[in-house]
N, C-alpha and C. Protein backbone atom coordinates (compact mmCIF):
# COMPACT_ATOMS: atom_id res chain seq x y z
N MET A 1 17.98 110.11 -47.99
CA MET A 1 17.31 108.84 -47.84
C MET A 1 16.24 108.67 -48.90
N ASN A 2 15.57 109.73 -49.11
CA ASN A 2 14.53 109.69 -50.10
C ASN A 2 15.09 109.39 -51.49
N ASN A 3 16.26 109.95 -51.79
CA ASN A 3 16.92 109.69 -53.08
C ASN A 3 17.35 108.24 -53.22
N SER A 4 17.89 107.66 -52.17
CA SER A 4 18.35 106.27 -52.25
C SER A 4 17.17 105.32 -52.40
N LEU A 5 16.05 105.62 -51.74
CA LEU A 5 14.85 104.79 -51.89
C LEU A 5 14.33 104.89 -53.31
N LEU A 6 14.35 106.04 -53.86
CA LEU A 6 13.91 106.25 -55.23
C LEU A 6 14.81 105.54 -56.21
N SER A 7 16.12 105.58 -56.01
CA SER A 7 17.04 104.91 -56.91
C SER A 7 16.93 103.39 -56.80
N SER A 8 16.67 102.86 -55.59
CA SER A 8 16.52 101.41 -55.45
C SER A 8 15.22 100.94 -56.09
N CYS A 9 14.18 101.71 -56.05
CA CYS A 9 12.91 101.36 -56.72
C CYS A 9 13.10 101.35 -58.23
N GLN A 10 13.86 102.29 -58.75
CA GLN A 10 14.11 102.32 -60.19
C GLN A 10 14.95 101.11 -60.61
N PHE A 11 15.89 100.74 -59.74
CA PHE A 11 16.73 99.57 -60.05
C PHE A 11 15.87 98.31 -60.13
N VAL A 12 14.95 98.13 -59.20
CA VAL A 12 14.07 96.96 -59.19
C VAL A 12 13.15 97.02 -60.40
N LYS A 13 12.68 98.14 -60.74
CA LYS A 13 11.76 98.29 -61.85
C LYS A 13 12.41 97.91 -63.17
N LYS A 14 13.67 98.18 -63.34
CA LYS A 14 14.37 97.87 -64.58
C LYS A 14 14.53 96.36 -64.78
N ASN A 15 14.61 95.56 -63.70
CA ASN A 15 14.87 94.13 -63.79
C ASN A 15 13.60 93.28 -63.71
N LEU A 16 12.42 93.86 -63.82
CA LEU A 16 11.19 93.09 -63.69
C LEU A 16 10.83 92.31 -64.95
N GLY A 17 11.17 92.73 -66.13
CA GLY A 17 10.76 92.07 -67.36
C GLY A 17 11.88 91.34 -68.06
N PHE A 18 11.51 90.65 -69.15
CA PHE A 18 12.49 89.96 -69.98
C PHE A 18 12.95 90.90 -71.09
N THR A 19 14.16 90.73 -71.50
CA THR A 19 14.65 91.52 -72.63
C THR A 19 14.15 90.88 -73.92
N PHE A 20 14.22 91.62 -74.97
CA PHE A 20 13.78 91.14 -76.29
C PHE A 20 14.58 89.91 -76.70
N ILE A 21 15.87 89.90 -76.44
CA ILE A 21 16.72 88.77 -76.81
C ILE A 21 16.32 87.52 -76.02
N GLU A 22 15.99 87.67 -74.74
CA GLU A 22 15.56 86.53 -73.94
C GLU A 22 14.24 85.95 -74.46
N VAL A 23 13.32 86.79 -74.84
CA VAL A 23 12.05 86.33 -75.38
C VAL A 23 12.26 85.62 -76.71
N MET A 24 13.09 86.17 -77.57
CA MET A 24 13.35 85.54 -78.87
C MET A 24 14.06 84.19 -78.70
N LEU A 25 14.96 84.10 -77.76
CA LEU A 25 15.66 82.85 -77.49
C LEU A 25 14.68 81.78 -76.98
N ALA A 26 13.79 82.16 -76.07
CA ALA A 26 12.78 81.22 -75.57
C ALA A 26 11.86 80.76 -76.69
N MET A 27 11.45 81.67 -77.57
CA MET A 27 10.59 81.30 -78.71
C MET A 27 11.32 80.36 -79.65
N ALA A 28 12.60 80.59 -79.88
CA ALA A 28 13.38 79.71 -80.76
C ALA A 28 13.48 78.31 -80.16
N ILE A 29 13.70 78.22 -78.86
CA ILE A 29 13.80 76.91 -78.20
C ILE A 29 12.47 76.17 -78.32
N PHE A 30 11.35 76.85 -78.06
CA PHE A 30 10.04 76.20 -78.17
C PHE A 30 9.73 75.81 -79.61
N ALA A 31 10.15 76.62 -80.57
CA ALA A 31 9.92 76.29 -81.98
C ALA A 31 10.70 75.04 -82.38
N ILE A 32 11.94 74.94 -81.97
CA ILE A 32 12.76 73.75 -82.27
C ILE A 32 12.16 72.52 -81.61
N ALA A 33 11.71 72.65 -80.37
CA ALA A 33 11.09 71.52 -79.67
C ALA A 33 9.78 71.11 -80.36
N GLY A 34 9.02 72.08 -80.84
CA GLY A 34 7.77 71.78 -81.55
C GLY A 34 8.02 71.04 -82.85
N VAL A 35 9.01 71.47 -83.60
CA VAL A 35 9.36 70.80 -84.86
C VAL A 35 9.82 69.37 -84.59
N ALA A 36 10.61 69.18 -83.57
CA ALA A 36 11.07 67.83 -83.21
C ALA A 36 9.90 66.94 -82.82
N LEU A 37 8.96 67.48 -82.07
CA LEU A 37 7.78 66.72 -81.65
C LEU A 37 6.91 66.34 -82.84
N VAL A 38 6.68 67.25 -83.76
CA VAL A 38 5.89 66.96 -84.95
C VAL A 38 6.58 65.91 -85.82
N SER A 39 7.88 66.03 -85.97
CA SER A 39 8.64 65.07 -86.77
C SER A 39 8.58 63.68 -86.15
N THR A 40 8.72 63.60 -84.86
CA THR A 40 8.67 62.31 -84.16
C THR A 40 7.28 61.68 -84.29
N SER A 41 6.24 62.46 -84.12
CA SER A 41 4.89 61.91 -84.23
C SER A 41 4.58 61.47 -85.66
N ASP A 42 5.09 62.19 -86.65
CA ASP A 42 4.90 61.80 -88.05
C ASP A 42 5.60 60.46 -88.34
N THR A 43 6.81 60.30 -87.86
CA THR A 43 7.53 59.04 -88.04
C THR A 43 6.81 57.91 -87.33
N HIS A 44 6.33 58.16 -86.16
CA HIS A 44 5.58 57.14 -85.42
C HIS A 44 4.33 56.71 -86.18
N PHE A 45 3.59 57.67 -86.72
CA PHE A 45 2.37 57.37 -87.46
C PHE A 45 2.68 56.54 -88.71
N ARG A 46 3.74 56.92 -89.44
CA ARG A 46 4.12 56.15 -90.63
C ARG A 46 4.49 54.71 -90.28
N ASN A 47 5.27 54.54 -89.22
CA ASN A 47 5.66 53.19 -88.80
C ASN A 47 4.45 52.37 -88.36
N LEU A 48 3.54 53.00 -87.65
CA LEU A 48 2.34 52.32 -87.20
C LEU A 48 1.49 51.89 -88.40
N SER A 49 1.36 52.74 -89.38
CA SER A 49 0.61 52.42 -90.59
C SER A 49 1.26 51.26 -91.35
N HIS A 50 2.58 51.27 -91.44
CA HIS A 50 3.30 50.19 -92.12
C HIS A 50 3.11 48.86 -91.38
N LEU A 51 3.19 48.88 -90.06
CA LEU A 51 3.00 47.67 -89.28
C LEU A 51 1.58 47.13 -89.42
N GLU A 52 0.61 48.01 -89.47
CA GLU A 52 -0.78 47.59 -89.66
C GLU A 52 -0.96 46.91 -91.01
N THR A 53 -0.37 47.47 -92.05
CA THR A 53 -0.46 46.88 -93.39
C THR A 53 0.20 45.51 -93.43
N LYS A 54 1.39 45.39 -92.83
CA LYS A 54 2.08 44.09 -92.79
C LYS A 54 1.28 43.05 -92.01
N MET A 55 0.70 43.46 -90.90
CA MET A 55 -0.08 42.54 -90.08
C MET A 55 -1.29 42.01 -90.86
N MET A 56 -2.01 42.88 -91.54
CA MET A 56 -3.17 42.44 -92.31
C MET A 56 -2.76 41.53 -93.46
N ALA A 57 -1.66 41.86 -94.12
CA ALA A 57 -1.17 41.01 -95.20
C ALA A 57 -0.80 39.63 -94.67
N ASN A 58 -0.21 39.57 -93.49
CA ASN A 58 0.12 38.28 -92.88
C ASN A 58 -1.14 37.48 -92.53
N TRP A 59 -2.18 38.16 -92.07
CA TRP A 59 -3.45 37.47 -91.79
C TRP A 59 -4.02 36.84 -93.05
N ILE A 60 -3.98 37.61 -94.13
CA ILE A 60 -4.52 37.10 -95.40
C ILE A 60 -3.72 35.90 -95.88
N ALA A 61 -2.40 36.01 -95.83
CA ALA A 61 -1.54 34.90 -96.25
C ALA A 61 -1.80 33.67 -95.38
N SER A 62 -1.93 33.88 -94.08
CA SER A 62 -2.20 32.77 -93.17
C SER A 62 -3.54 32.11 -93.48
N ASN A 63 -4.56 32.91 -93.72
CA ASN A 63 -5.87 32.36 -94.07
C ASN A 63 -5.83 31.55 -95.37
N GLN A 64 -5.09 32.04 -96.35
CA GLN A 64 -5.00 31.32 -97.62
C GLN A 64 -4.22 30.02 -97.47
N LEU A 65 -3.22 30.01 -96.60
CA LEU A 65 -2.48 28.77 -96.35
C LEU A 65 -3.38 27.73 -95.67
N VAL A 66 -4.25 28.18 -94.78
CA VAL A 66 -5.20 27.26 -94.15
C VAL A 66 -6.14 26.69 -95.21
N GLU A 67 -6.64 27.54 -96.10
CA GLU A 67 -7.51 27.05 -97.18
C GLU A 67 -6.78 26.06 -98.08
N ALA A 68 -5.53 26.33 -98.38
CA ALA A 68 -4.75 25.41 -99.23
C ALA A 68 -4.55 24.07 -98.53
N SER A 69 -4.41 24.09 -97.23
CA SER A 69 -4.21 22.83 -96.50
C SER A 69 -5.49 22.00 -96.45
N LEU A 70 -6.63 22.62 -96.66
CA LEU A 70 -7.91 21.90 -96.64
C LEU A 70 -8.27 21.28 -97.98
N VAL A 71 -7.58 21.68 -99.04
CA VAL A 71 -7.86 21.15 -100.38
C VAL A 71 -7.35 19.72 -100.46
N LYS A 72 -8.21 18.83 -100.93
CA LYS A 72 -7.85 17.41 -101.03
C LYS A 72 -7.25 17.07 -102.40
N LYS A 73 -7.42 17.95 -103.37
CA LYS A 73 -6.93 17.71 -104.73
C LYS A 73 -5.41 17.80 -104.76
N TRP A 74 -4.77 16.86 -105.45
CA TRP A 74 -3.30 16.83 -105.55
C TRP A 74 -2.92 16.65 -107.00
N PRO A 75 -1.96 17.31 -107.54
CA PRO A 75 -1.13 18.36 -106.95
C PRO A 75 -1.90 19.66 -106.82
N LEU A 76 -1.44 20.49 -105.94
CA LEU A 76 -2.07 21.79 -105.72
C LEU A 76 -1.88 22.68 -106.94
N LYS A 77 -2.82 23.58 -107.13
CA LYS A 77 -2.78 24.47 -108.30
C LYS A 77 -1.73 25.56 -108.10
N ASN A 78 -0.80 25.69 -109.07
CA ASN A 78 0.23 26.73 -109.03
C ASN A 78 -0.32 28.03 -109.61
N ASN A 79 0.15 29.14 -109.10
CA ASN A 79 -0.23 30.49 -109.54
C ASN A 79 -1.73 30.76 -109.42
N LYS A 80 -2.35 30.14 -108.47
CA LYS A 80 -3.75 30.43 -108.17
C LYS A 80 -3.81 31.83 -107.58
N LYS A 81 -4.76 32.64 -108.05
CA LYS A 81 -4.85 34.04 -107.60
C LYS A 81 -6.21 34.30 -106.98
N GLY A 82 -6.25 35.32 -106.17
CA GLY A 82 -7.50 35.71 -105.56
C GLY A 82 -7.47 37.13 -105.03
N LYS A 83 -8.65 37.58 -104.65
CA LYS A 83 -8.80 38.93 -104.11
C LYS A 83 -9.63 38.83 -102.84
N VAL A 84 -9.19 39.53 -101.79
CA VAL A 84 -9.87 39.52 -100.51
C VAL A 84 -10.06 40.97 -100.07
N GLU A 85 -11.21 41.24 -99.48
CA GLU A 85 -11.40 42.57 -98.92
C GLU A 85 -11.24 42.48 -97.41
N LEU A 86 -10.38 43.33 -96.87
CA LEU A 86 -10.14 43.38 -95.43
C LEU A 86 -9.86 44.83 -95.04
N ALA A 87 -10.55 45.29 -94.03
CA ALA A 87 -10.37 46.65 -93.49
C ALA A 87 -10.58 47.72 -94.57
N GLY A 88 -11.57 47.51 -95.41
CA GLY A 88 -11.90 48.50 -96.43
C GLY A 88 -10.93 48.57 -97.60
N ARG A 89 -10.04 47.59 -97.72
CA ARG A 89 -9.08 47.56 -98.82
C ARG A 89 -9.22 46.25 -99.57
N ASP A 90 -8.84 46.28 -100.83
CA ASP A 90 -8.74 45.06 -101.61
C ASP A 90 -7.30 44.57 -101.57
N TRP A 91 -7.13 43.30 -101.24
CA TRP A 91 -5.82 42.67 -101.15
C TRP A 91 -5.78 41.57 -102.19
N PHE A 92 -4.67 41.47 -102.89
CA PHE A 92 -4.51 40.46 -103.93
C PHE A 92 -3.46 39.45 -103.47
N TRP A 93 -3.78 38.16 -103.64
CA TRP A 93 -2.85 37.12 -103.23
C TRP A 93 -2.61 36.16 -104.39
N ILE A 94 -1.48 35.53 -104.36
CA ILE A 94 -1.14 34.52 -105.35
C ILE A 94 -0.49 33.34 -104.62
N GLN A 95 -0.90 32.15 -105.04
CA GLN A 95 -0.37 30.92 -104.44
C GLN A 95 0.67 30.34 -105.37
N LYS A 96 1.86 30.11 -104.86
CA LYS A 96 2.93 29.52 -105.65
C LYS A 96 3.32 28.18 -105.03
N ILE A 97 3.45 27.19 -105.89
CA ILE A 97 3.80 25.84 -105.45
C ILE A 97 5.21 25.51 -105.93
N ALA A 98 6.00 24.97 -105.03
CA ALA A 98 7.35 24.53 -105.38
C ALA A 98 7.48 23.05 -105.04
N LYS A 99 8.13 22.31 -105.92
CA LYS A 99 8.34 20.89 -105.68
C LYS A 99 9.40 20.70 -104.60
N THR A 100 9.30 19.59 -103.91
CA THR A 100 10.31 19.22 -102.92
C THR A 100 10.91 17.88 -103.34
N ASN A 101 11.87 17.40 -102.58
CA ASN A 101 12.48 16.10 -102.89
C ASN A 101 11.49 14.96 -102.73
N ASP A 102 10.52 15.14 -101.87
CA ASP A 102 9.49 14.14 -101.65
C ASP A 102 8.31 14.43 -102.58
N GLN A 103 7.90 13.45 -103.39
CA GLN A 103 6.81 13.67 -104.35
C GLN A 103 5.46 13.86 -103.66
N ASN A 104 5.37 13.45 -102.42
CA ASN A 104 4.12 13.57 -101.69
C ASN A 104 4.06 14.84 -100.84
N MET A 105 4.98 15.75 -101.09
CA MET A 105 5.02 17.00 -100.31
C MET A 105 5.34 18.17 -101.24
N SER A 106 4.70 19.29 -100.98
CA SER A 106 4.94 20.51 -101.76
C SER A 106 5.12 21.70 -100.83
N ALA A 107 5.92 22.65 -101.28
CA ALA A 107 6.07 23.92 -100.57
C ALA A 107 5.05 24.90 -101.15
N VAL A 108 4.24 25.47 -100.29
CA VAL A 108 3.20 26.41 -100.72
C VAL A 108 3.54 27.78 -100.16
N THR A 109 3.62 28.76 -101.05
CA THR A 109 3.90 30.15 -100.66
C THR A 109 2.73 31.02 -101.09
N ILE A 110 2.26 31.84 -100.18
CA ILE A 110 1.21 32.82 -100.49
C ILE A 110 1.85 34.20 -100.41
N GLU A 111 1.75 34.95 -101.50
CA GLU A 111 2.24 36.32 -101.56
C GLU A 111 1.04 37.26 -101.58
N VAL A 112 1.13 38.35 -100.82
CA VAL A 112 0.03 39.30 -100.71
C VAL A 112 0.49 40.68 -101.17
N ARG A 113 -0.37 41.32 -101.98
CA ARG A 113 -0.09 42.66 -102.51
C ARG A 113 -1.33 43.54 -102.38
N LEU A 114 -1.12 44.84 -102.38
CA LEU A 114 -2.24 45.77 -102.44
C LEU A 114 -2.66 46.07 -103.86
N ASP A 115 -1.73 45.92 -104.79
CA ASP A 115 -2.00 46.15 -106.21
C ASP A 115 -1.66 44.87 -106.97
N GLU A 116 -2.58 44.41 -107.78
CA GLU A 116 -2.41 43.15 -108.49
C GLU A 116 -1.20 43.18 -109.43
N THR A 117 -0.85 44.34 -109.95
CA THR A 117 0.25 44.45 -110.91
C THR A 117 1.60 44.69 -110.24
N GLU A 118 1.59 44.87 -108.94
CA GLU A 118 2.84 45.14 -108.21
C GLU A 118 3.78 43.93 -108.28
N LYS A 119 5.06 44.18 -108.52
CA LYS A 119 6.05 43.10 -108.62
C LYS A 119 6.39 42.51 -107.25
N SER A 120 6.66 43.35 -106.27
CA SER A 120 7.06 42.85 -104.96
C SER A 120 5.84 42.74 -104.04
N SER A 121 5.89 41.77 -103.17
CA SER A 121 4.77 41.54 -102.26
C SER A 121 4.98 42.30 -100.95
N ILE A 122 3.88 42.59 -100.29
CA ILE A 122 3.95 43.21 -98.97
C ILE A 122 4.38 42.16 -97.96
N SER A 123 3.84 40.97 -98.13
CA SER A 123 4.14 39.89 -97.20
C SER A 123 4.00 38.56 -97.91
N PHE A 124 4.70 37.55 -97.41
CA PHE A 124 4.51 36.20 -97.92
C PHE A 124 4.77 35.21 -96.80
N LEU A 125 4.04 34.11 -96.87
CA LEU A 125 4.22 33.03 -95.92
C LEU A 125 4.37 31.73 -96.69
N THR A 126 5.18 30.81 -96.17
CA THR A 126 5.42 29.52 -96.81
C THR A 126 5.16 28.41 -95.81
N THR A 127 4.57 27.35 -96.30
CA THR A 127 4.41 26.15 -95.50
C THR A 127 4.60 24.94 -96.40
N TYR A 128 4.68 23.79 -95.80
CA TYR A 128 4.83 22.53 -96.55
C TYR A 128 3.60 21.70 -96.31
N LEU A 129 3.02 21.22 -97.41
CA LEU A 129 1.82 20.40 -97.31
C LEU A 129 2.10 19.01 -97.88
N ALA A 130 1.55 18.02 -97.19
CA ALA A 130 1.72 16.63 -97.64
C ALA A 130 0.45 16.18 -98.35
N LYS A 131 0.62 15.26 -99.29
CA LYS A 131 -0.51 14.69 -100.02
C LYS A 131 -1.33 13.86 -99.03
N ALA A 132 -2.63 14.10 -99.07
CA ALA A 132 -3.54 13.38 -98.15
C ALA A 132 -3.62 11.93 -98.60
N GLU A 133 -3.56 11.01 -97.64
CA GLU A 133 -3.68 9.58 -97.95
C GLU A 133 -5.14 9.27 -98.22
N LYS A 134 -5.35 8.35 -99.18
CA LYS A 134 -6.74 7.98 -99.53
C LYS A 134 -7.16 6.74 -98.82
């Protein structure tokens, strides 16, 4: 009896811990999950930053279109440029005027860039303005 009790205690003692392979497998699973989590958070941060930039550029374009609509001088000035500071950055905008079929109406587009020399704009908005009656 004493021998069987001793052998059963040894059997239980052998199964109390994890094997090296089990520990390595668990570490590999946690490492893969960690890499996936870091990658996902990095992608989220980049997208959030891009959306913030687009939103601010749209605000600037919208503000410039409001200013253009308040100008009483006709025809509106084409390729008018400006610089605005918003959220600690300098934003560059350009106003482009396009003729329409109606001589008393023009299409006004505001393009916004972070760099004045950049070819493509971050954002642009277009509206149509009518000549103010005198």
